[in-house]
């Protein structure tokens, strides 16, 4: 069994396909995570309260915005490092790890500091809940899987285009 590595130094986030794939992955992952947050934790009003609107609708809007921003950050890191060479399963694994990091940093530290600062809730720092690890793991796995598929397809498309543009020997 042989292994082949394709080098794609130009695959960084220059392609609209990658930007769109990252944003779409962030939205899908955000919806998956958000459904758990909404139905298991009733957390959406708290998310909205961070922006002065303690409603479910405002919470969903803010949560999905954050989901896309964090997805674009994830995609930027993946495509600007050697991780861009990974396949779908490894990128999904990186997504899972990214979800755990988001739980530790964004939910564990940033959320309670922000909520306390704006008077939305009195939360301890760090604010870590087992269900939070699950919701962020769902986010990371969905994001990693979706972006992994988009990236590997774009890498394949770029390789095919590059081969077809080479002059015949």
N, C-alpha and C. Protein backbone atom coordinates (compact mmCIF):
# COMPACT_ATOMS: atom_id res chain seq x y z
N UNK A 1 0.85 -1.17 0.00
CA UNK A 1 0.00 0.00 0.00
C UNK A 1 0.89 1.23 0.00
N UNK A 2 0.67 2.13 -0.93
CA UNK A 2 1.51 3.31 -1.01
C UNK A 2 0.73 4.54 -0.57
N UNK A 3 1.47 5.53 -0.17
CA UNK A 3 0.87 6.78 0.27
C UNK A 3 1.42 7.91 -0.59
N UNK A 4 0.53 8.79 -1.03
CA UNK A 4 0.96 9.91 -1.86
C UNK A 4 0.52 11.20 -1.20
N UNK A 5 1.41 12.16 -1.14
CA UNK A 5 1.09 13.46 -0.56
C UNK A 5 1.08 14.48 -1.67
N UNK A 6 0.03 15.28 -1.71
CA UNK A 6 -0.07 16.34 -2.69
C UNK A 6 0.30 17.65 -2.01
N UNK A 7 1.26 18.35 -2.54
CA UNK A 7 1.68 19.64 -1.98
C UNK A 7 0.89 20.75 -2.65
N UNK A 8 0.22 21.56 -1.86
CA UNK A 8 -0.61 22.64 -2.41
C UNK A 8 -0.30 23.96 -1.72
N UNK A 9 0.87 24.54 -2.00
CA UNK A 9 1.23 25.76 -1.30
C UNK A 9 0.30 26.93 -1.60
N UNK A 10 -0.41 26.90 -2.70
CA UNK A 10 -1.27 28.03 -3.05
C UNK A 10 -2.72 27.86 -2.64
N UNK A 11 -3.03 26.93 -1.75
CA UNK A 11 -4.43 26.66 -1.41
C UNK A 11 -4.92 27.52 -0.25
N UNK A 12 -4.10 28.44 0.24
CA UNK A 12 -4.53 29.30 1.35
C UNK A 12 -5.87 29.95 1.02
N UNK A 13 -6.43 30.65 1.97
CA UNK A 13 -7.80 31.17 1.84
C UNK A 13 -7.91 32.25 0.76
N UNK A 14 -7.50 31.91 -0.45
CA UNK A 14 -7.64 32.82 -1.58
C UNK A 14 -8.84 32.47 -2.43
N UNK A 15 -9.37 31.31 -2.24
CA UNK A 15 -10.47 30.82 -3.06
C UNK A 15 -11.83 31.17 -2.44
N UNK A 16 -12.72 31.76 -3.22
CA UNK A 16 -14.07 32.02 -2.71
C UNK A 16 -14.77 30.74 -2.26
N UNK A 17 -14.41 29.62 -2.89
CA UNK A 17 -14.99 28.34 -2.50
C UNK A 17 -14.62 28.01 -1.05
N UNK A 18 -13.38 28.26 -0.68
CA UNK A 18 -12.95 27.97 0.68
C UNK A 18 -13.62 28.91 1.69
N UNK A 19 -13.71 30.20 1.35
CA UNK A 19 -14.40 31.14 2.24
C UNK A 19 -15.85 30.73 2.41
N UNK A 20 -16.51 30.41 1.30
CA UNK A 20 -17.91 30.00 1.36
C UNK A 20 -18.09 28.69 2.11
N UNK A 21 -17.17 27.76 1.87
CA UNK A 21 -17.23 26.47 2.57
C UNK A 21 -17.04 26.63 4.07
N UNK A 22 -16.14 27.52 4.45
CA UNK A 22 -15.92 27.78 5.88
C UNK A 22 -17.16 28.42 6.50
N UNK A 23 -17.73 29.40 5.82
CA UNK A 23 -18.93 30.07 6.34
C UNK A 23 -20.10 29.08 6.43
N UNK A 24 -20.29 28.28 5.38
CA UNK A 24 -21.37 27.29 5.40
C UNK A 24 -21.14 26.26 6.50
N UNK A 25 -19.90 25.82 6.64
CA UNK A 25 -19.58 24.88 7.71
C UNK A 25 -19.86 25.49 9.08
N UNK A 26 -19.53 26.76 9.24
CA UNK A 26 -19.82 27.45 10.49
C UNK A 26 -21.30 27.55 10.77
N UNK A 27 -22.08 27.82 9.74
CA UNK A 27 -23.54 27.90 9.93
C UNK A 27 -24.14 26.55 10.29
N UNK A 28 -23.77 25.52 9.55
CA UNK A 28 -24.31 24.17 9.83
C UNK A 28 -23.87 23.73 11.23
N UNK A 29 -22.60 23.91 11.54
CA UNK A 29 -22.11 23.53 12.86
C UNK A 29 -22.78 24.35 13.95
N UNK A 30 -22.99 25.64 13.67
CA UNK A 30 -23.66 26.51 14.63
C UNK A 30 -25.09 26.10 14.89
N UNK A 31 -25.78 25.67 13.84
CA UNK A 31 -27.17 25.20 14.02
C UNK A 31 -27.18 23.92 14.85
N UNK A 32 -26.28 22.98 14.52
CA UNK A 32 -26.22 21.74 15.30
C UNK A 32 -25.93 22.00 16.76
N UNK A 33 -24.95 22.83 17.03
CA UNK A 33 -24.61 23.18 18.40
C UNK A 33 -25.74 23.97 19.05
N UNK A 34 -26.29 24.92 18.30
CA UNK A 34 -27.33 25.79 18.83
C UNK A 34 -28.59 25.04 19.23
N UNK A 35 -28.94 24.01 18.48
CA UNK A 35 -30.12 23.21 18.84
C UNK A 35 -29.92 22.56 20.20
N UNK A 36 -28.71 22.03 20.43
CA UNK A 36 -28.42 21.45 21.75
C UNK A 36 -28.46 22.53 22.83
N UNK A 37 -27.84 23.67 22.55
CA UNK A 37 -27.84 24.77 23.52
C UNK A 37 -29.26 25.23 23.84
N UNK A 38 -30.08 25.32 22.80
CA UNK A 38 -31.45 25.82 22.97
C UNK A 38 -32.32 24.84 23.76
N UNK A 39 -32.32 23.59 23.33
CA UNK A 39 -33.24 22.63 23.93
C UNK A 39 -32.73 21.98 25.22
N UNK A 40 -31.43 21.86 25.38
CA UNK A 40 -30.90 21.23 26.59
C UNK A 40 -30.49 22.23 27.67
N UNK A 41 -30.17 23.47 27.25
CA UNK A 41 -29.63 24.43 28.21
C UNK A 41 -30.43 25.72 28.30
N UNK A 42 -31.33 25.95 27.36
CA UNK A 42 -32.07 27.22 27.27
C UNK A 42 -31.09 28.40 27.33
N UNK A 43 -30.01 28.30 26.57
CA UNK A 43 -28.92 29.27 26.65
C UNK A 43 -29.05 30.45 25.70
N UNK A 44 -29.96 30.40 24.74
CA UNK A 44 -30.01 31.46 23.74
C UNK A 44 -30.32 32.84 24.32
N UNK A 45 -31.21 32.96 25.29
CA UNK A 45 -31.42 34.30 25.86
C UNK A 45 -30.14 34.88 26.49
N UNK A 46 -29.32 34.05 27.11
CA UNK A 46 -28.06 34.53 27.67
C UNK A 46 -27.13 35.03 26.57
N UNK A 47 -27.05 34.30 25.46
CA UNK A 47 -26.21 34.74 24.34
C UNK A 47 -26.70 36.08 23.81
N UNK A 48 -28.02 36.23 23.65
CA UNK A 48 -28.57 37.51 23.22
C UNK A 48 -28.31 38.62 24.22
N UNK A 49 -28.33 38.29 25.49
CA UNK A 49 -28.11 39.29 26.55
C UNK A 49 -26.71 39.88 26.48
N UNK A 50 -25.76 39.14 25.91
CA UNK A 50 -24.41 39.68 25.76
C UNK A 50 -24.43 40.94 24.90
N UNK A 51 -25.45 41.05 24.04
CA UNK A 51 -25.60 42.21 23.16
C UNK A 51 -26.77 43.10 23.60
N UNK A 52 -27.24 42.90 24.81
CA UNK A 52 -28.32 43.73 25.33
C UNK A 52 -29.72 43.31 24.91
N UNK A 53 -29.84 42.15 24.30
CA UNK A 53 -31.14 41.64 23.84
C UNK A 53 -31.34 40.21 24.36
N UNK A 54 -31.86 40.04 25.56
CA UNK A 54 -31.98 38.69 26.15
C UNK A 54 -33.16 37.90 25.59
N UNK A 55 -33.18 37.73 24.27
CA UNK A 55 -34.26 36.97 23.63
C UNK A 55 -33.67 35.77 22.91
N UNK A 56 -34.52 34.81 22.63
CA UNK A 56 -34.09 33.63 21.89
C UNK A 56 -33.63 34.03 20.49
N UNK A 57 -34.39 34.90 19.83
CA UNK A 57 -34.03 35.31 18.46
C UNK A 57 -32.68 36.02 18.42
N UNK A 58 -32.46 36.94 19.34
CA UNK A 58 -31.17 37.64 19.38
C UNK A 58 -30.05 36.67 19.71
N UNK A 59 -30.32 35.72 20.59
CA UNK A 59 -29.33 34.72 20.93
C UNK A 59 -28.93 33.87 19.74
N UNK A 60 -29.93 33.45 18.95
CA UNK A 60 -29.64 32.66 17.75
C UNK A 60 -28.82 33.48 16.76
N UNK A 61 -29.20 34.72 16.55
CA UNK A 61 -28.48 35.58 15.61
C UNK A 61 -27.02 35.73 16.05
N UNK A 62 -26.80 36.06 17.31
CA UNK A 62 -25.45 36.24 17.82
C UNK A 62 -24.66 34.93 17.77
N UNK A 63 -25.30 33.84 18.15
CA UNK A 63 -24.63 32.54 18.14
C UNK A 63 -24.18 32.16 16.73
N UNK A 64 -25.05 32.34 15.75
CA UNK A 64 -24.69 31.98 14.37
C UNK A 64 -23.60 32.91 13.83
N UNK A 65 -23.66 34.18 14.22
CA UNK A 65 -22.58 35.10 13.83
C UNK A 65 -21.24 34.61 14.40
N UNK A 66 -21.22 34.28 15.69
CA UNK A 66 -20.00 33.78 16.32
C UNK A 66 -19.54 32.49 15.64
N UNK A 67 -20.49 31.63 15.29
CA UNK A 67 -20.16 30.35 14.65
C UNK A 67 -19.43 30.56 13.33
N UNK A 68 -19.88 31.53 12.55
CA UNK A 68 -19.22 31.81 11.27
C UNK A 68 -17.85 32.44 11.49
N UNK A 69 -17.75 33.38 12.41
CA UNK A 69 -16.46 34.01 12.68
C UNK A 69 -15.43 32.97 13.14
N UNK A 70 -15.83 32.09 14.05
CA UNK A 70 -14.91 31.06 14.53
C UNK A 70 -14.58 30.06 13.42
N UNK A 71 -15.52 29.81 12.51
CA UNK A 71 -15.25 28.91 11.39
C UNK A 71 -14.24 29.52 10.43
N UNK A 72 -14.35 30.81 10.17
CA UNK A 72 -13.40 31.47 9.28
C UNK A 72 -12.00 31.46 9.90
N UNK A 73 -11.92 31.64 11.20
CA UNK A 73 -10.64 31.56 11.89
C UNK A 73 -10.04 30.16 11.76
N UNK A 74 -10.87 29.14 11.99
CA UNK A 74 -10.43 27.76 11.85
C UNK A 74 -9.90 27.51 10.44
N UNK A 75 -10.66 27.91 9.44
CA UNK A 75 -10.27 27.68 8.04
C UNK A 75 -8.99 28.42 7.70
N UNK A 76 -8.85 29.64 8.22
CA UNK A 76 -7.63 30.40 7.97
C UNK A 76 -6.40 29.71 8.53
N UNK A 77 -6.52 29.17 9.73
CA UNK A 77 -5.39 28.45 10.34
C UNK A 77 -5.09 27.18 9.56
N UNK A 78 -6.12 26.42 9.22
CA UNK A 78 -5.92 25.16 8.50
C UNK A 78 -5.23 25.40 7.16
N UNK A 79 -5.71 26.38 6.40
CA UNK A 79 -5.18 26.58 5.05
C UNK A 79 -3.83 27.28 5.02
N UNK A 80 -3.44 27.91 6.12
CA UNK A 80 -2.16 28.61 6.13
C UNK A 80 -1.05 27.79 6.80
N UNK A 81 -1.36 26.56 7.16
CA UNK A 81 -0.37 25.68 7.79
C UNK A 81 -0.31 24.36 7.01
N UNK A 82 0.55 23.48 7.44
CA UNK A 82 0.66 22.17 6.78
C UNK A 82 -0.59 21.32 7.00
N UNK A 83 -1.49 21.76 7.89
CA UNK A 83 -2.75 21.03 8.09
C UNK A 83 -3.58 20.99 6.81
N UNK A 84 -3.32 21.92 5.88
CA UNK A 84 -4.08 21.96 4.63
C UNK A 84 -3.91 20.68 3.81
N UNK A 85 -2.87 19.91 4.12
CA UNK A 85 -2.61 18.66 3.40
C UNK A 85 -3.39 17.48 3.97
N UNK A 86 -4.01 17.67 5.10
CA UNK A 86 -4.74 16.59 5.76
C UNK A 86 -6.00 16.21 4.99
N UNK A 87 -6.43 14.99 5.20
CA UNK A 87 -7.68 14.52 4.63
C UNK A 87 -8.86 14.87 5.54
N UNK A 88 -10.03 14.47 5.12
CA UNK A 88 -11.26 14.83 5.82
C UNK A 88 -11.26 14.34 7.27
N UNK A 89 -10.85 13.11 7.51
CA UNK A 89 -10.88 12.59 8.88
C UNK A 89 -9.95 13.35 9.82
N UNK A 90 -8.77 13.67 9.35
CA UNK A 90 -7.84 14.41 10.21
C UNK A 90 -8.33 15.84 10.45
N UNK A 91 -8.91 16.47 9.43
CA UNK A 91 -9.43 17.82 9.62
C UNK A 91 -10.64 17.77 10.56
N UNK A 92 -11.43 16.71 10.48
CA UNK A 92 -12.54 16.54 11.42
C UNK A 92 -11.99 16.42 12.84
N UNK A 93 -10.91 15.68 13.01
CA UNK A 93 -10.27 15.57 14.32
C UNK A 93 -9.74 16.92 14.81
N UNK A 94 -9.17 17.70 13.90
CA UNK A 94 -8.73 19.05 14.28
C UNK A 94 -9.93 19.91 14.67
N UNK A 95 -11.03 19.72 13.96
CA UNK A 95 -12.26 20.44 14.31
C UNK A 95 -12.73 20.08 15.71
N UNK A 96 -12.68 18.80 16.05
CA UNK A 96 -13.08 18.36 17.39
C UNK A 96 -12.20 19.01 18.45
N UNK A 97 -10.89 19.02 18.21
CA UNK A 97 -9.96 19.67 19.15
C UNK A 97 -10.25 21.17 19.24
N UNK A 98 -10.56 21.78 18.11
CA UNK A 98 -10.89 23.21 18.08
C UNK A 98 -12.14 23.48 18.91
N UNK A 99 -13.13 22.60 18.80
CA UNK A 99 -14.34 22.75 19.61
C UNK A 99 -14.04 22.73 21.10
N UNK A 100 -13.16 21.85 21.51
CA UNK A 100 -12.79 21.77 22.94
C UNK A 100 -12.06 23.05 23.36
N UNK A 101 -11.18 23.55 22.50
CA UNK A 101 -10.47 24.80 22.81
C UNK A 101 -11.48 25.94 22.93
N UNK A 102 -12.47 25.98 22.04
CA UNK A 102 -13.50 27.02 22.13
C UNK A 102 -14.27 26.92 23.45
N UNK A 103 -14.56 25.72 23.89
CA UNK A 103 -15.25 25.56 25.18
C UNK A 103 -14.39 26.12 26.30
N UNK A 104 -13.11 25.78 26.30
CA UNK A 104 -12.22 26.23 27.37
C UNK A 104 -12.03 27.74 27.37
N UNK A 105 -11.84 28.32 26.19
CA UNK A 105 -11.51 29.75 26.11
C UNK A 105 -12.76 30.61 25.96
N UNK A 106 -13.55 30.36 24.91
CA UNK A 106 -14.69 31.24 24.63
C UNK A 106 -15.80 31.08 25.66
N UNK A 107 -16.18 29.84 25.95
CA UNK A 107 -17.27 29.62 26.90
C UNK A 107 -16.77 29.64 28.35
N UNK A 108 -15.57 29.15 28.56
CA UNK A 108 -15.05 29.06 29.92
C UNK A 108 -14.56 30.36 30.51
N UNK A 109 -14.01 31.22 29.64
CA UNK A 109 -13.43 32.47 30.15
C UNK A 109 -14.13 33.70 29.56
N UNK A 110 -14.18 33.80 28.23
CA UNK A 110 -14.73 35.01 27.60
C UNK A 110 -16.20 35.20 27.95
N UNK A 111 -17.02 34.15 27.83
CA UNK A 111 -18.45 34.27 28.13
C UNK A 111 -18.71 34.81 29.53
N UNK A 112 -18.16 34.20 30.59
CA UNK A 112 -18.49 34.73 31.92
C UNK A 112 -17.95 36.15 32.16
N UNK A 113 -16.77 36.44 31.64
CA UNK A 113 -16.24 37.80 31.81
C UNK A 113 -17.15 38.80 31.11
N UNK A 114 -17.56 38.49 29.88
CA UNK A 114 -18.44 39.36 29.11
C UNK A 114 -19.80 39.49 29.79
N UNK A 115 -20.39 38.36 30.18
CA UNK A 115 -21.71 38.38 30.82
C UNK A 115 -21.67 39.19 32.12
N UNK A 116 -20.63 39.02 32.90
CA UNK A 116 -20.49 39.78 34.14
C UNK A 116 -20.31 41.26 33.86
N UNK A 117 -19.54 41.59 32.82
CA UNK A 117 -19.25 42.99 32.50
C UNK A 117 -20.49 43.75 32.05
N UNK A 118 -21.38 43.09 31.30
CA UNK A 118 -22.58 43.79 30.81
C UNK A 118 -23.79 43.55 31.71
N UNK A 119 -23.60 42.82 32.79
CA UNK A 119 -24.70 42.57 33.71
C UNK A 119 -25.73 41.58 33.21
N UNK A 120 -25.33 40.73 32.27
CA UNK A 120 -26.25 39.74 31.70
C UNK A 120 -26.47 38.57 32.66
N UNK A 121 -25.45 38.22 33.42
CA UNK A 121 -25.53 37.11 34.37
C UNK A 121 -24.31 37.18 35.28
N UNK A 122 -24.44 36.61 36.45
CA UNK A 122 -23.31 36.50 37.37
C UNK A 122 -22.77 35.08 37.24
N UNK A 123 -21.72 34.93 36.45
CA UNK A 123 -21.17 33.61 36.18
C UNK A 123 -19.76 33.50 36.76
N UNK A 124 -19.41 32.33 37.27
CA UNK A 124 -18.05 32.14 37.77
C UNK A 124 -17.05 32.04 36.61
N UNK A 125 -15.81 32.39 36.90
CA UNK A 125 -14.74 32.24 35.92
C UNK A 125 -13.74 31.25 36.50
N UNK A 126 -13.49 30.14 35.87
CA UNK A 126 -14.02 29.71 34.59
C UNK A 126 -15.44 29.16 34.74
N UNK A 127 -16.17 29.20 33.63
CA UNK A 127 -17.54 28.70 33.59
C UNK A 127 -17.55 27.51 32.64
N UNK A 128 -17.30 26.33 33.20
CA UNK A 128 -17.19 25.12 32.39
C UNK A 128 -18.26 24.12 32.83
N UNK A 129 -19.05 23.67 31.87
CA UNK A 129 -20.09 22.69 32.12
C UNK A 129 -19.87 21.47 31.22
N UNK A 130 -20.15 20.27 31.71
CA UNK A 130 -20.00 19.09 30.85
C UNK A 130 -20.81 19.21 29.55
N UNK A 131 -22.02 19.74 29.62
CA UNK A 131 -22.83 19.88 28.40
C UNK A 131 -22.18 20.86 27.43
N UNK A 132 -21.44 21.83 27.96
CA UNK A 132 -20.73 22.78 27.10
C UNK A 132 -19.66 22.10 26.27
N UNK A 133 -18.98 21.12 26.87
CA UNK A 133 -17.99 20.37 26.11
C UNK A 133 -18.67 19.59 24.99
N UNK A 134 -19.83 19.01 25.28
CA UNK A 134 -20.57 18.28 24.25
C UNK A 134 -21.00 19.20 23.11
N UNK A 135 -21.58 20.35 23.44
CA UNK A 135 -22.06 21.25 22.39
C UNK A 135 -20.91 21.76 21.53
N UNK A 136 -19.80 22.09 22.15
CA UNK A 136 -18.66 22.57 21.37
C UNK A 136 -17.99 21.46 20.58
N UNK A 137 -18.03 20.24 21.10
CA UNK A 137 -17.51 19.10 20.35
C UNK A 137 -18.36 18.87 19.10
N UNK A 138 -19.67 18.97 19.24
CA UNK A 138 -20.56 18.84 18.07
C UNK A 138 -20.21 19.91 17.04
N UNK A 139 -20.05 21.14 17.51
CA UNK A 139 -19.68 22.24 16.60
C UNK A 139 -18.38 21.90 15.86
N UNK A 140 -17.36 21.52 16.60
CA UNK A 140 -16.06 21.26 16.00
C UNK A 140 -16.06 20.11 15.01
N UNK A 141 -16.76 19.04 15.35
CA UNK A 141 -16.81 17.88 14.46
C UNK A 141 -17.55 18.24 13.17
N UNK A 142 -18.70 18.90 13.29
CA UNK A 142 -19.44 19.30 12.09
C UNK A 142 -18.62 20.27 11.24
N UNK A 143 -18.02 21.26 11.87
CA UNK A 143 -17.20 22.23 11.13
C UNK A 143 -16.03 21.53 10.45
N UNK A 144 -15.31 20.70 11.18
CA UNK A 144 -14.15 20.01 10.61
C UNK A 144 -14.54 19.11 9.45
N UNK A 145 -15.64 18.39 9.59
CA UNK A 145 -16.06 17.49 8.52
C UNK A 145 -16.46 18.27 7.27
N UNK A 146 -17.25 19.30 7.45
CA UNK A 146 -17.71 20.08 6.29
C UNK A 146 -16.55 20.80 5.64
N UNK A 147 -15.74 21.48 6.43
CA UNK A 147 -14.61 22.19 5.83
C UNK A 147 -13.60 21.22 5.26
N UNK A 148 -13.43 20.06 5.89
CA UNK A 148 -12.52 19.05 5.35
C UNK A 148 -12.94 18.59 3.97
N UNK A 149 -14.23 18.37 3.76
CA UNK A 149 -14.73 17.98 2.44
C UNK A 149 -14.50 19.10 1.43
N UNK A 150 -14.84 20.32 1.81
CA UNK A 150 -14.66 21.47 0.91
C UNK A 150 -13.18 21.63 0.55
N UNK A 151 -12.30 21.55 1.52
CA UNK A 151 -10.87 21.73 1.28
C UNK A 151 -10.31 20.63 0.39
N UNK A 152 -10.65 19.38 0.66
CA UNK A 152 -10.10 18.30 -0.17
C UNK A 152 -10.64 18.38 -1.60
N UNK A 153 -11.89 18.78 -1.76
CA UNK A 153 -12.42 18.96 -3.12
C UNK A 153 -11.73 20.11 -3.83
N UNK A 154 -11.51 21.20 -3.14
CA UNK A 154 -10.82 22.35 -3.74
C UNK A 154 -9.38 21.98 -4.08
N UNK A 155 -8.74 21.24 -3.21
CA UNK A 155 -7.37 20.79 -3.47
C UNK A 155 -7.33 19.91 -4.71
N UNK A 156 -8.29 19.01 -4.82
CA UNK A 156 -8.37 18.12 -5.98
C UNK A 156 -8.65 18.92 -7.26
N UNK A 157 -9.57 19.87 -7.16
CA UNK A 157 -9.91 20.70 -8.32
C UNK A 157 -8.71 21.52 -8.76
N UNK A 158 -7.98 22.06 -7.81
CA UNK A 158 -6.79 22.85 -8.13
C UNK A 158 -5.72 21.98 -8.77
N UNK A 159 -5.53 20.77 -8.26
CA UNK A 159 -4.54 19.85 -8.82
C UNK A 159 -4.91 19.46 -10.25
N UNK A 160 -6.19 19.21 -10.50
CA UNK A 160 -6.65 18.84 -11.83
C UNK A 160 -6.44 20.00 -12.79
N UNK A 161 -6.77 21.20 -12.35
CA UNK A 161 -6.60 22.39 -13.19
C UNK A 161 -5.12 22.61 -13.49
N UNK A 162 -4.27 22.46 -12.47
CA UNK A 162 -2.83 22.66 -12.67
C UNK A 162 -2.26 21.64 -13.66
N UNK A 163 -2.72 20.41 -13.59
CA UNK A 163 -2.25 19.37 -14.51
C UNK A 163 -2.69 19.68 -15.94
N UNK A 164 -3.91 20.17 -16.10
CA UNK A 164 -4.42 20.43 -17.44
C UNK A 164 -3.78 21.66 -18.07
N UNK A 165 -3.22 22.55 -17.23
CA UNK A 165 -2.58 23.75 -17.75
C UNK A 165 -1.11 23.53 -18.12
N UNK A 166 -0.54 22.38 -17.74
CA UNK A 166 0.85 22.09 -18.08
C UNK A 166 0.97 21.77 -19.56
N UNK A 167 2.03 22.26 -20.20
CA UNK A 167 2.21 21.92 -21.61
C UNK A 167 2.59 20.45 -21.75
N UNK A 168 2.17 19.85 -22.85
CA UNK A 168 2.46 18.44 -23.10
C UNK A 168 3.96 18.27 -23.33
N UNK A 169 4.51 17.18 -22.81
CA UNK A 169 5.96 16.95 -22.93
C UNK A 169 6.32 16.33 -24.24
